């Protein structure tokens, strides 16, 4: 079997699957059960000054028959005293010395506050620290969480304060609620971060009760924005991980978070530059035992390809991810419809006719009168829409059309025009 162990900035873990800092890691009882189930690591629910949480904290978004496609929460950091958490963390690490235990931290913007909490949590033997600069609700209103994570200078300063005393690797957790996450990732790296983790939750309002005209969730007739996560955020998270992985100014390992529900999702994050992944919503939906399928799936994927270690696939797809201006303008694909499996639902025709490029015709057979769907390949722009809306997998293929044209990107085209003195756009 392939070796599933990872090394994230000096933090050893038996596998790349960690529980993210969230309700599933709120106690020693939970984290120890998770380790028994097979999770390689856990990031303890964020420590800091204990807060008071509200009731009615969560909301789920169901879509297309799938429950909890998206998840919203207005829960804050731990509501237990620091001493209670430290005692449970100490017991957990002693019972599971080979599993990874990370302390998530959030305190006010004071050097001495960071120094104090870092020393306390490292004294009980944690494997690393995760600085929570991502929480978008509640704590941000108090000047912490994403209130820090949206300002590169504050990130850099607070990371520097932590690194002054930290004896274990420091991971900085970043907020997605920002224009370009690379700037905050660079600031974390400049401050001395050993790794970054992303993404934290996205600012959101899950919905409105149409009968009572109240936000969902609501607390005694009032609501507030919360943090959005779950499978729906995966494409956003994957892009941010990939952007940071290919940015030379970031240059530190990444712990990937956001919508990871199965081993396939995990492999995508690993290929796009994450050394390991953190999971929350999927565990809250299905329980800790989902990690068994994640481990088996990843192991089989690696074994089938003869890959000895999971670390060997980290970042392997990053070189293929680029800016639009580098894409080949002369590459062409067209849609082809398999008449044997087509059920003539006409979804492809409707989508193309109403919202795309009007290149799928409905043709009636002259003898039988049966309708067929035919793509006019000369007019097809290869947008993929028809294959996306088709309900029968594999019925519409996007086929490459070879040509004799050399690869030509937009940037190359503009450079050639400029060299020739042309102002053509």
Protein backbone atom coordinates (compact mmCIF):
# COMPACT_ATOMS: atom_id res chain seq x y z
CA UNK A 1 0.00 0.00 0.00
CA UNK A 2 1.06 3.56 -0.64
CA UNK A 3 2.42 5.60 2.24
CA UNK A 4 -0.32 8.05 3.29
CA UNK A 5 1.74 9.91 5.88
CA UNK A 6 2.45 13.59 5.27
CA UNK A 7 4.85 16.24 6.46
CA UNK A 8 3.27 19.70 6.55
CA UNK A 9 5.98 22.23 7.39
CA UNK A 10 7.58 19.80 9.82
CA UNK A 11 4.28 18.51 11.24
CA UNK A 12 4.07 14.75 10.83
CA UNK A 13 0.69 13.10 10.34
CA UNK A 14 -0.26 9.46 9.66
CA UNK A 15 -2.53 10.55 6.80
CA UNK A 16 -3.60 13.81 5.13
CA UNK A 17 -7.12 13.84 6.58
CA UNK A 18 -7.61 16.26 9.47
CA UNK A 19 -10.71 17.57 11.13
CA UNK A 20 -10.92 21.34 10.83
CA UNK A 21 -11.30 23.63 13.81
CA UNK A 22 -15.07 23.57 14.29
CA UNK A 23 -17.83 21.90 16.34
CA UNK A 24 -16.46 18.37 15.65
CA UNK A 25 -13.24 19.26 17.54
CA UNK A 26 -14.81 20.96 20.52
CA UNK A 27 -13.79 18.39 23.14
CA UNK A 28 -11.38 15.63 24.00
CA UNK A 29 -14.19 13.10 23.75
CA UNK A 30 -14.88 14.08 20.15
CA UNK A 31 -11.28 14.32 18.98
CA UNK A 32 -10.35 10.99 20.57
CA UNK A 33 -13.32 9.30 18.86
CA UNK A 34 -12.20 10.86 15.59
CA UNK A 35 -8.68 9.49 16.00
CA UNK A 36 -10.11 6.06 16.78
CA UNK A 37 -12.09 6.28 13.54
CA UNK A 38 -8.92 6.95 11.54
CA UNK A 39 -8.50 10.71 11.20
CA UNK A 40 -4.82 11.60 10.98
CA UNK A 41 -5.13 14.90 12.79
CA UNK A 42 -7.44 17.47 14.28
CA UNK A 43 -7.35 21.22 14.71
CA UNK A 44 -8.93 21.94 18.08
CA UNK A 45 -11.87 24.34 18.15
CA UNK A 46 -10.42 27.83 18.39
CA UNK A 47 -9.09 28.80 21.81
CA UNK A 48 -9.24 32.31 23.23
CA UNK A 49 -11.20 34.24 25.76
CA UNK A 50 -14.36 32.13 26.33
CA UNK A 51 -17.45 33.56 24.70
CA UNK A 52 -21.20 33.07 25.02
CA UNK A 53 -22.83 31.39 22.03
CA UNK A 54 -26.44 31.77 20.92
CA UNK A 55 -28.85 28.95 20.22
CA UNK A 56 -30.18 28.32 16.71
CA UNK A 57 -26.68 28.41 15.23
CA UNK A 58 -26.78 26.41 12.00
CA UNK A 59 -28.66 26.34 8.70
CA UNK A 60 -28.41 23.95 5.77
CA UNK A 61 -28.93 24.49 2.05
CA UNK A 62 -30.47 21.56 0.21
CA UNK A 63 -30.11 21.49 -3.56
CA UNK A 64 -31.13 19.04 -6.25
CA UNK A 65 -32.10 16.36 -3.78
CA UNK A 66 -28.82 16.64 -1.88
CA UNK A 67 -29.09 17.63 1.74
CA UNK A 68 -26.52 19.98 3.21
CA UNK A 69 -25.12 21.03 -0.15
CA UNK A 70 -24.25 24.23 1.70
CA UNK A 71 -23.96 24.92 5.41
CA UNK A 72 -24.12 28.16 7.39
CA UNK A 73 -23.19 28.76 11.01
CA UNK A 74 -23.12 31.66 13.45
CA UNK A 75 -21.30 29.76 16.18
CA UNK A 76 -18.20 31.42 17.63
CA UNK A 77 -15.00 30.04 19.15
CA UNK A 78 -14.89 27.75 22.19
CA UNK A 79 -17.17 28.62 25.07
CA UNK A 80 -15.08 26.60 27.52
CA UNK A 81 -12.35 28.03 29.78
CA UNK A 82 -8.83 27.72 28.39
CA UNK A 83 -7.75 25.50 31.29
CA UNK A 84 -10.50 22.98 30.52
CA UNK A 85 -9.51 22.82 26.86
CA UNK A 86 -5.82 22.46 27.69
CA UNK A 87 -6.52 19.59 30.09
CA UNK A 88 -8.53 17.74 27.44
CA UNK A 89 -5.92 18.44 24.76
CA UNK A 90 -3.18 17.11 27.01
CA UNK A 91 -5.13 13.93 27.69
CA UNK A 92 -5.85 13.48 23.99
CA UNK A 93 -2.22 13.91 22.91
CA UNK A 94 -0.99 11.50 25.54
CA UNK A 95 -3.50 8.88 24.45
CA UNK A 96 -2.79 9.39 20.73
CA UNK A 97 0.86 10.49 20.53
CA UNK A 98 1.22 9.61 16.83
CA UNK A 99 -1.79 11.62 15.73
CA UNK A 100 -1.54 15.29 14.87
CA UNK A 101 -3.02 17.78 17.30
CA UNK A 102 -3.09 21.45 16.29
CA UNK A 103 -4.19 24.31 18.52
CA UNK A 104 -6.30 26.95 16.79
CA UNK A 105 -5.83 30.35 18.42
CA UNK A 106 -7.58 33.72 18.36
CA UNK A 107 -6.86 36.57 20.74
CA UNK A 108 -7.01 40.34 20.70
CA UNK A 109 -4.47 42.41 18.81
CA UNK A 110 -1.85 42.55 21.56
CA UNK A 111 1.64 41.12 21.52
CA UNK A 112 1.48 39.95 25.13
CA UNK A 113 -1.85 38.18 24.54
CA UNK A 114 -0.36 36.14 21.71
CA UNK A 115 2.77 35.35 23.70
CA UNK A 116 0.76 34.18 26.67
CA UNK A 117 -1.59 31.82 24.85
CA UNK A 118 1.16 30.36 22.65
CA UNK A 119 3.26 29.44 25.68
CA UNK A 120 0.29 27.86 27.44
CA UNK A 121 -0.81 25.64 24.56
CA UNK A 122 2.70 24.58 23.59
CA UNK A 123 3.34 23.51 27.17
CA UNK A 124 0.91 20.61 26.77
CA UNK A 125 2.66 19.25 23.68
CA UNK A 126 0.64 20.27 20.63
CA UNK A 127 2.19 19.58 17.23
CA UNK A 128 1.54 23.01 15.82
CA UNK A 129 -0.47 26.22 15.99
CA UNK A 130 -3.13 27.54 13.63
CA UNK A 131 -3.82 31.27 13.88
CA UNK A 132 -7.47 31.90 13.09
CA UNK A 133 -7.58 35.01 10.93
CA UNK A 134 -10.62 33.81 9.02
CA UNK A 135 -13.77 33.65 11.16
CA UNK A 136 -16.20 36.10 9.45
CA UNK A 137 -18.88 36.51 12.11
CA UNK A 138 -19.09 37.57 15.72
CA UNK A 139 -15.37 37.59 16.44
CA UNK A 140 -14.70 39.87 13.48
CA UNK A 141 -17.00 42.43 15.09
CA UNK A 142 -14.63 42.35 18.07
CA UNK A 143 -11.57 43.08 15.93
CA UNK A 144 -10.41 39.47 15.56
CA UNK A 145 -10.81 36.70 12.97
CA UNK A 146 -11.39 38.05 9.47
CA UNK A 147 -11.12 41.62 10.79
CA UNK A 148 -7.41 40.81 10.97
CA UNK A 149 -7.38 38.45 7.99
CA UNK A 150 -8.49 41.18 5.58
CA UNK A 151 -5.44 43.33 6.35
CA UNK A 152 -2.04 42.04 5.24
CA UNK A 153 -0.16 44.35 7.59
CA UNK A 154 -2.06 43.08 10.64
CA UNK A 155 -1.49 39.47 9.58
CA UNK A 156 2.23 40.05 9.16
CA UNK A 157 2.54 41.77 12.53
CA UNK A 158 0.62 39.18 14.51
CA UNK A 159 2.44 36.28 12.88
CA UNK A 160 5.71 37.96 13.81
CA UNK A 161 4.54 38.22 17.42
CA UNK A 162 3.68 34.54 17.51
CA UNK A 163 6.96 33.49 15.92
CA UNK A 164 8.85 35.38 18.62
CA UNK A 165 7.89 32.69 21.12
CA UNK A 166 6.53 29.72 19.18
CA UNK A 167 8.47 26.46 19.36
CA UNK A 168 6.18 24.57 16.99
CA UNK A 169 5.23 25.21 13.35
CA UNK A 170 2.78 28.07 12.79
CA UNK A 171 -0.09 27.74 10.30
CA UNK A 172 -2.06 30.85 9.37
CA UNK A 173 -5.73 30.31 8.50
CA UNK A 174 -6.92 32.80 5.88
CA UNK A 175 -10.29 34.30 5.10
CA UNK A 176 -11.80 34.03 1.61
CA UNK A 177 -13.70 37.27 2.21
CA UNK A 178 -11.13 39.34 0.37
CA UNK A 179 -10.45 40.42 -3.22
CA UNK A 180 -7.21 38.47 -3.70
CA UNK A 181 -6.13 35.93 -1.11
CA UNK A 182 -2.57 35.89 -2.44
CA UNK A 183 -1.84 39.22 -0.76
CA UNK A 184 -2.76 37.96 2.70
CA UNK A 185 -0.97 34.67 2.05
CA UNK A 186 2.17 36.60 1.13
CA UNK A 187 1.84 38.66 4.31
CA UNK A 188 1.62 35.50 6.39
CA UNK A 189 4.72 34.13 4.70
CA UNK A 190 6.59 37.42 5.20
CA UNK A 191 5.68 37.33 8.87
CA UNK A 192 7.33 33.94 9.21
CA UNK A 193 4.41 31.52 8.88
CA UNK A 194 5.49 27.94 8.31
CA UNK A 195 2.28 27.11 6.43
CA UNK A 196 -1.13 28.53 5.54
CA UNK A 197 -4.58 26.97 5.64
CA UNK A 198 -7.54 27.96 3.49
CA UNK A 199 -10.32 28.66 3.22
CA UNK A 200 -12.28 29.68 6.26
CA UNK A 201 -16.00 30.23 5.80
CA UNK A 202 -17.59 32.74 3.42
CA UNK A 203 -19.83 35.59 4.56
CA UNK A 204 -23.41 34.56 3.91
CA UNK A 205 -27.10 34.76 4.69
CA UNK A 206 -28.53 31.30 4.18
CA UNK A 207 -32.09 32.35 3.47
CA UNK A 208 -35.28 34.10 4.51
CA UNK A 209 -38.37 32.45 6.01
CA UNK A 210 -41.11 33.47 3.55
CA UNK A 211 -43.89 32.94 6.06
CA UNK A 212 -42.40 34.86 8.98
CA UNK A 213 -40.05 37.19 7.06
CA UNK A 214 -37.12 36.23 9.25
CA UNK A 215 -33.49 35.42 8.41
CA UNK A 216 -32.48 31.75 8.51
CA UNK A 217 -31.26 30.95 11.11
CA UNK A 218 -32.70 33.52 13.47
CA UNK A 219 -32.34 34.12 17.20
CA UNK A 220 -35.47 35.44 18.87
CA UNK A 221 -36.57 37.30 15.78
CA UNK A 222 -33.18 38.59 14.60
CA UNK A 223 -30.47 37.14 12.39
CA UNK A 224 -26.88 37.89 11.44
CA UNK A 225 -24.52 36.95 8.65
CA UNK A 226 -22.68 33.70 9.20
CA UNK A 227 -19.97 31.53 7.71
CA UNK A 228 -20.82 29.46 4.60
CA UNK A 229 -19.15 26.12 3.91
CA UNK A 230 -19.91 22.66 2.56
CA UNK A 231 -19.68 21.11 -0.92
CA UNK A 232 -20.94 24.30 -2.57
CA UNK A 233 -17.77 26.23 -1.67
CA UNK A 234 -15.30 23.67 -3.03
CA UNK A 235 -14.61 25.41 -6.39
CA UNK A 236 -13.90 28.69 -4.60
CA UNK A 237 -11.56 27.02 -2.13
CA UNK A 238 -9.80 24.98 -4.81
CA UNK A 239 -9.08 28.09 -6.85
CA UNK A 240 -7.64 29.95 -3.85
CA UNK A 241 -5.41 27.00 -2.95
CA UNK A 242 -4.18 26.75 -6.53
CA UNK A 243 -3.53 30.50 -6.80
CA UNK A 244 -1.40 30.46 -3.66
CA UNK A 245 0.36 27.23 -4.64
CA UNK A 246 1.55 28.77 -7.91
CA UNK A 247 2.55 32.09 -6.36
CA UNK A 248 6.29 32.18 -5.74
CA UNK A 249 5.87 34.98 -3.19
CA UNK A 250 3.76 32.71 -0.97
CA UNK A 251 6.17 29.79 -0.96
CA UNK A 252 4.89 27.86 2.06
CA UNK A 253 2.94 24.59 2.36
CA UNK A 254 -0.86 24.69 2.29
CA UNK A 255 -3.51 22.88 4.30
CA UNK A 256 -6.58 22.78 2.05
CA UNK A 257 -10.07 23.42 3.43
CA UNK A 258 -13.46 23.95 1.82
CA UNK A 259 -16.14 21.54 0.66
CA UNK A 260 -14.04 18.37 0.89
CA UNK A 261 -16.52 15.52 1.18
CA UNK A 262 -14.73 12.43 -0.17
CA UNK A 263 -11.36 11.11 -1.29
CA UNK A 264 -11.77 12.51 -4.80
CA UNK A 265 -12.16 16.02 -3.45
CA UNK A 266 -9.06 15.48 -1.34
CA UNK A 267 -7.00 14.32 -4.32
CA UNK A 268 -8.02 17.42 -6.27
CA UNK A 269 -6.77 19.66 -3.46
CA UNK A 270 -3.54 17.68 -3.18
CA UNK A 271 -2.91 17.90 -6.92
CA UNK A 272 -3.51 21.63 -6.77
CA UNK A 273 -0.90 22.18 -4.11
CA UNK A 274 -2.32 21.25 -0.70
CA UNK A 275 -0.11 19.00 1.40
CA UNK A 276 -3.09 17.86 3.46
CA UNK A 277 -6.78 18.63 3.85
CA UNK A 278 -9.16 19.60 6.62
CA UNK A 279 -12.79 18.49 6.76
CA UNK A 280 -15.76 19.81 8.73
CA UNK A 281 -19.19 19.84 7.06
CA UNK A 282 -18.97 16.29 5.70
CA UNK A 283 -18.14 14.98 9.18
CA UNK A 284 -21.03 16.96 10.68
CA UNK A 285 -23.35 15.51 8.05
CA UNK A 286 -22.23 11.87 8.06
CA UNK A 287 -20.11 11.32 11.17
CA UNK A 288 -16.46 10.48 11.80
CA UNK A 289 -16.57 7.12 10.01
CA UNK A 290 -16.48 8.81 6.58
CA UNK A 291 -12.71 8.92 6.94
CA UNK A 292 -12.58 5.17 6.32
CA UNK A 293 -13.82 5.64 2.75
CA UNK A 294 -11.47 8.59 2.31
CA UNK A 295 -8.47 6.51 3.35
CA UNK A 296 -9.48 3.50 1.25
CA UNK A 297 -10.22 5.63 -1.80
CA UNK A 298 -6.94 7.52 -1.62
CA UNK A 299 -4.98 4.32 -1.04
CA UNK A 300 -6.57 2.61 -4.04
CA UNK A 301 -6.04 5.67 -6.24
CA UNK A 302 -2.34 5.73 -5.46
CA UNK A 303 -1.88 1.96 -5.67
CA UNK A 304 -3.58 1.75 -9.06
CA UNK A 305 -1.11 4.28 -10.41
CA UNK A 306 1.93 2.77 -8.77
CA UNK A 307 2.53 5.88 -6.66
CA UNK A 308 4.51 5.08 -3.53
CA UNK A 309 3.60 8.08 -1.37
CA UNK A 310 0.77 10.58 -1.19
CA UNK A 311 3.41 13.31 -0.97
CA UNK A 312 4.39 12.44 -4.53
CA UNK A 313 1.17 13.91 -5.94
CA UNK A 314 1.22 17.19 -4.02
CA UNK A 315 1.14 20.07 -6.49
CA UNK A 316 1.44 17.91 -9.61
CA UNK A 317 -1.39 19.76 -11.37
CA UNK A 318 -0.25 23.25 -10.38
CA UNK A 319 1.88 23.82 -13.53
CA UNK A 320 -1.25 23.31 -15.66
CA UNK A 321 -3.12 26.13 -13.88
CA UNK A 322 -2.47 29.52 -15.40
CA UNK A 323 -3.98 32.86 -16.39
CA UNK A 324 -6.50 33.15 -19.23
CA UNK A 325 -3.99 35.09 -21.31
CA UNK A 326 -1.79 31.99 -21.61
CA UNK A 327 -4.50 29.69 -23.04
CA UNK A 328 -4.24 28.45 -26.63
CA UNK A 329 -6.67 30.36 -28.87
CA UNK A 330 -6.17 27.83 -31.68
CA UNK A 331 -7.31 24.82 -29.66
CA UNK A 332 -10.80 23.66 -30.72
CA UNK A 333 -13.30 21.17 -29.37
CA UNK A 334 -16.86 20.50 -30.55
CA UNK A 335 -19.82 18.58 -29.18
CA UNK A 336 -20.82 15.22 -30.61
CA UNK A 337 -24.02 13.48 -29.61
CA UNK A 338 -24.23 9.68 -29.32
CA UNK A 339 -27.58 8.83 -30.92
CA UNK A 340 -27.61 5.35 -29.37
CA UNK A 341 -27.75 6.66 -25.80
CA UNK A 342 -29.57 9.94 -26.48
CA UNK A 343 -33.05 9.97 -24.90
CA UNK A 344 -34.24 12.95 -26.96
CA UNK A 345 -35.04 15.07 -23.95
CA UNK A 346 -33.86 18.06 -26.01
CA UNK A 347 -32.19 19.71 -23.02
CA UNK A 348 -29.03 20.25 -25.06
CA UNK A 349 -30.99 21.89 -27.88
CA UNK A 350 -32.91 24.16 -25.52
CA UNK A 351 -29.76 25.22 -23.66
CA UNK A 352 -27.86 25.88 -26.88
CA UNK A 353 -30.75 27.61 -28.66
CA UNK A 354 -31.79 29.83 -25.76
CA UNK A 355 -28.54 30.61 -23.98
CA UNK A 356 -25.55 29.66 -26.11
CA UNK A 357 -24.68 29.57 -29.84
CA UNK A 358 -27.67 28.01 -31.66
CA UNK A 359 -25.71 25.16 -33.25
CA UNK A 360 -27.78 22.07 -32.30
CA UNK A 361 -30.54 21.28 -34.80
CA UNK A 362 -33.52 18.99 -34.42
CA UNK A 363 -33.77 16.98 -37.64
CA UNK A 364 -36.68 14.65 -38.45
CA UNK A 365 -35.86 11.43 -40.29
CA UNK A 366 -37.49 11.53 -43.72
CA UNK A 367 -38.67 7.92 -43.45
CA UNK A 368 -39.50 7.31 -39.79
CA UNK A 369 -40.15 10.85 -38.73
CA UNK A 370 -38.02 10.27 -35.61
CA UNK A 371 -36.24 13.37 -34.44
CA UNK A 372 -32.45 13.47 -34.15
CA UNK A 373 -30.19 16.03 -32.57
CA UNK A 374 -27.32 17.12 -34.79
CA UNK A 375 -24.47 19.50 -33.94
CA UNK A 376 -23.33 21.89 -36.66
CA UNK A 377 -19.66 21.56 -35.85
CA UNK A 378 -18.57 24.56 -37.90
CA UNK A 379 -20.71 26.78 -35.67
CA UNK A 380 -19.99 25.02 -32.36
CA UNK A 381 -17.67 27.03 -30.10
CA UNK A 382 -17.01 24.13 -27.73
CA UNK A 383 -18.51 25.83 -24.68
CA UNK A 384 -19.41 22.46 -23.02
CA UNK A 385 -22.91 23.63 -22.02
CA UNK A 386 -24.76 20.84 -23.81
CA UNK A 387 -22.62 18.14 -22.20
CA UNK A 388 -23.16 19.76 -18.80
CA UNK A 389 -26.98 19.81 -18.99
CA UNK A 390 -27.31 16.36 -20.61
CA UNK A 391 -28.86 13.97 -18.05
CA UNK A 392 -27.23 10.86 -19.57
CA UNK A 393 -23.55 10.60 -18.70
CA UNK A 394 -21.31 10.11 -21.72
CA UNK A 395 -23.95 10.86 -24.34
CA UNK A 396 -22.37 14.15 -25.42
CA UNK A 397 -18.60 14.12 -25.85
CA UNK A 398 -16.42 17.15 -26.37
CA UNK A 399 -14.08 16.10 -29.16
CA UNK A 400 -10.86 17.84 -30.13
CA UNK A 401 -10.66 18.96 -33.76
CA UNK A 402 -7.05 18.82 -34.97
CA UNK A 403 -5.71 21.69 -37.03
CA UNK A 404 -2.39 22.82 -38.48
CA UNK A 405 -2.29 26.07 -36.54
CA UNK A 406 0.51 26.53 -33.99
CA UNK A 407 -0.45 27.22 -30.38
CA UNK A 408 -1.17 30.92 -29.90
CA UNK A 409 -2.16 32.57 -26.63
CA UNK A 410 -3.73 36.00 -26.24
CA UNK A 411 -0.52 37.30 -24.69
CA UNK A 412 1.54 35.97 -27.59
CA UNK A 413 -0.90 37.47 -30.07
CA UNK A 414 -0.75 40.89 -28.44
CA UNK A 415 3.03 40.77 -28.26
CA UNK A 416 3.23 39.92 -31.96
CA UNK A 417 0.87 42.74 -32.84
CA UNK A 418 2.89 45.18 -30.78
CA UNK A 419 6.12 44.05 -32.44
CA UNK A 420 4.54 44.74 -35.83
CA UNK A 421 3.31 48.15 -34.76
CA UNK A 422 -0.35 47.18 -34.94
CA UNK A 423 -2.98 48.48 -32.55
CA UNK A 424 -5.51 45.74 -33.39
CA UNK A 425 -7.43 44.52 -30.36
